[in-house]
């Protein structure tokens, strides 16, 4: 989460997977709720520009 917050503060684009019921998804859910990340359900599409 620290890295994601710093990236957002630097106006870097953040992609997040869809939130699940898993406790490990809390960070993604929070970033999406705060509109600090954009939902990206397809990991292959998210990695394509790299």
N, C-alpha and C. Protein backbone atom coordinates (compact mmCIF):
# COMPACT_ATOMS: atom_id res chain seq x y z
N UNK A 1 0.81 -1.18 0.00
CA UNK A 1 0.00 0.00 0.00
C UNK A 1 0.87 1.26 0.00
N UNK A 2 1.98 1.23 0.68
CA UNK A 2 2.84 2.41 0.70
C UNK A 2 3.28 2.78 -0.71
N UNK A 3 3.71 1.80 -1.48
CA UNK A 3 4.15 2.05 -2.85
C UNK A 3 3.01 2.60 -3.70
N UNK A 4 1.82 2.05 -3.53
CA UNK A 4 0.66 2.52 -4.30
C UNK A 4 0.31 3.96 -3.94
N UNK A 5 0.37 4.30 -2.67
CA UNK A 5 0.05 5.67 -2.24
C UNK A 5 1.09 6.65 -2.78
N UNK A 6 2.36 6.28 -2.73
CA UNK A 6 3.40 7.16 -3.26
C UNK A 6 3.23 7.33 -4.76
N UNK A 7 2.93 6.26 -5.47
CA UNK A 7 2.71 6.35 -6.91
C UNK A 7 1.53 7.26 -7.22
N UNK A 8 0.47 7.14 -6.48
CA UNK A 8 -0.70 8.00 -6.70
C UNK A 8 -0.36 9.45 -6.40
N UNK A 9 0.42 9.69 -5.36
CA UNK A 9 0.82 11.05 -5.03
C UNK A 9 1.70 11.65 -6.12
N UNK A 10 2.41 10.82 -6.87
CA UNK A 10 3.24 11.27 -7.98
C UNK A 10 2.46 11.29 -9.30
N UNK A 11 1.15 11.14 -9.20
CA UNK A 11 0.26 11.14 -10.37
C UNK A 11 0.57 10.02 -11.35
N UNK A 12 1.02 8.89 -10.83
CA UNK A 12 1.25 7.71 -11.66
C UNK A 12 -0.04 6.92 -11.72
N UNK A 13 -0.30 6.30 -12.85
CA UNK A 13 -1.50 5.49 -13.00
C UNK A 13 -1.38 4.22 -12.16
N UNK A 14 -2.48 3.88 -11.51
CA UNK A 14 -2.52 2.65 -10.73
C UNK A 14 -3.64 1.77 -11.27
N UNK A 15 -3.35 0.51 -11.45
CA UNK A 15 -4.35 -0.47 -11.85
C UNK A 15 -4.54 -1.41 -10.68
N UNK A 16 -5.77 -1.84 -10.47
CA UNK A 16 -6.07 -2.75 -9.37
C UNK A 16 -6.98 -3.86 -9.87
N UNK A 17 -6.77 -5.08 -9.38
CA UNK A 17 -7.67 -6.16 -9.73
C UNK A 17 -9.00 -6.00 -9.00
N UNK A 18 -10.02 -6.68 -9.47
CA UNK A 18 -11.30 -6.60 -8.77
C UNK A 18 -11.16 -7.06 -7.31
N UNK A 19 -11.83 -6.41 -6.42
CA UNK A 19 -11.79 -6.79 -5.01
C UNK A 19 -12.52 -8.11 -4.81
N UNK A 20 -12.02 -8.90 -3.91
CA UNK A 20 -12.63 -10.18 -3.57
C UNK A 20 -12.90 -10.19 -2.07
N UNK A 21 -13.42 -11.29 -1.59
CA UNK A 21 -13.68 -11.44 -0.16
C UNK A 21 -12.41 -11.76 0.62
N UNK A 22 -11.32 -12.02 -0.09
CA UNK A 22 -10.05 -12.35 0.55
C UNK A 22 -9.50 -11.12 1.27
N UNK A 23 -9.03 -11.28 2.47
CA UNK A 23 -8.50 -10.16 3.26
C UNK A 23 -7.32 -9.51 2.56
N UNK A 24 -6.59 -10.27 1.73
CA UNK A 24 -5.44 -9.70 1.02
C UNK A 24 -5.86 -8.70 -0.05
N UNK A 25 -7.14 -8.64 -0.38
CA UNK A 25 -7.65 -7.71 -1.40
C UNK A 25 -8.10 -6.38 -0.79
N UNK A 26 -7.95 -6.22 0.51
CA UNK A 26 -8.39 -4.99 1.17
C UNK A 26 -7.72 -3.74 0.59
N UNK A 27 -6.43 -3.84 0.27
CA UNK A 27 -5.72 -2.70 -0.28
C UNK A 27 -6.27 -2.29 -1.63
N UNK A 28 -6.51 -3.27 -2.49
CA UNK A 28 -7.09 -2.97 -3.80
C UNK A 28 -8.48 -2.36 -3.65
N UNK A 29 -9.26 -2.91 -2.76
CA UNK A 29 -10.62 -2.40 -2.55
C UNK A 29 -10.56 -0.95 -2.07
N UNK A 30 -9.63 -0.65 -1.18
CA UNK A 30 -9.51 0.72 -0.67
C UNK A 30 -9.06 1.69 -1.75
N UNK A 31 -8.08 1.27 -2.57
CA UNK A 31 -7.63 2.13 -3.66
C UNK A 31 -8.75 2.40 -4.65
N UNK A 32 -9.54 1.38 -4.95
CA UNK A 32 -10.65 1.56 -5.88
C UNK A 32 -11.73 2.46 -5.27
N UNK A 33 -12.03 2.25 -4.01
CA UNK A 33 -13.06 3.05 -3.34
C UNK A 33 -12.67 4.53 -3.26
N UNK A 34 -11.38 4.78 -3.05
CA UNK A 34 -10.89 6.15 -2.96
C UNK A 34 -10.60 6.74 -4.34
N UNK A 35 -10.87 5.98 -5.39
CA UNK A 35 -10.62 6.37 -6.78
C UNK A 35 -9.16 6.75 -7.01
N UNK A 36 -8.28 6.02 -6.35
CA UNK A 36 -6.84 6.22 -6.55
C UNK A 36 -6.30 5.20 -7.54
N UNK A 37 -7.13 4.22 -7.92
CA UNK A 37 -6.74 3.20 -8.88
C UNK A 37 -7.90 2.95 -9.84
N UNK A 38 -7.53 2.39 -10.99
CA UNK A 38 -8.51 2.05 -12.01
C UNK A 38 -8.66 0.54 -12.02
N UNK A 39 -9.88 0.08 -12.11
CA UNK A 39 -10.15 -1.36 -12.13
C UNK A 39 -9.60 -1.97 -13.41
N UNK A 40 -8.82 -3.02 -13.28
CA UNK A 40 -8.30 -3.77 -14.43
C UNK A 40 -8.43 -5.26 -14.15
N UNK A 41 -9.51 -5.87 -14.64
CA UNK A 41 -9.75 -7.29 -14.35
C UNK A 41 -8.87 -8.25 -15.15
N UNK A 42 -8.22 -7.77 -16.23
CA UNK A 42 -7.44 -8.66 -17.10
C UNK A 42 -5.94 -8.40 -16.91
N UNK A 43 -5.22 -9.26 -16.18
CA UNK A 43 -3.80 -9.04 -15.93
C UNK A 43 -2.97 -8.96 -17.22
N UNK A 44 -3.33 -9.74 -18.22
CA UNK A 44 -2.57 -9.71 -19.48
C UNK A 44 -2.66 -8.33 -20.14
N UNK A 45 -3.83 -7.73 -20.10
CA UNK A 45 -4.00 -6.40 -20.69
C UNK A 45 -3.24 -5.35 -19.89
N UNK A 46 -3.19 -5.52 -18.60
CA UNK A 46 -2.47 -4.56 -17.74
C UNK A 46 -0.96 -4.62 -18.01
N UNK A 47 -0.44 -5.80 -18.31
CA UNK A 47 0.99 -5.96 -18.53
C UNK A 47 1.42 -5.71 -19.97
N UNK A 48 0.48 -5.62 -20.90
CA UNK A 48 0.80 -5.47 -22.32
C UNK A 48 1.71 -4.27 -22.62
N UNK A 49 1.48 -3.09 -22.03
CA UNK A 49 2.33 -1.95 -22.35
C UNK A 49 3.79 -2.11 -21.88
N UNK A 50 4.01 -3.01 -20.94
CA UNK A 50 5.37 -3.20 -20.44
C UNK A 50 6.19 -3.93 -21.45
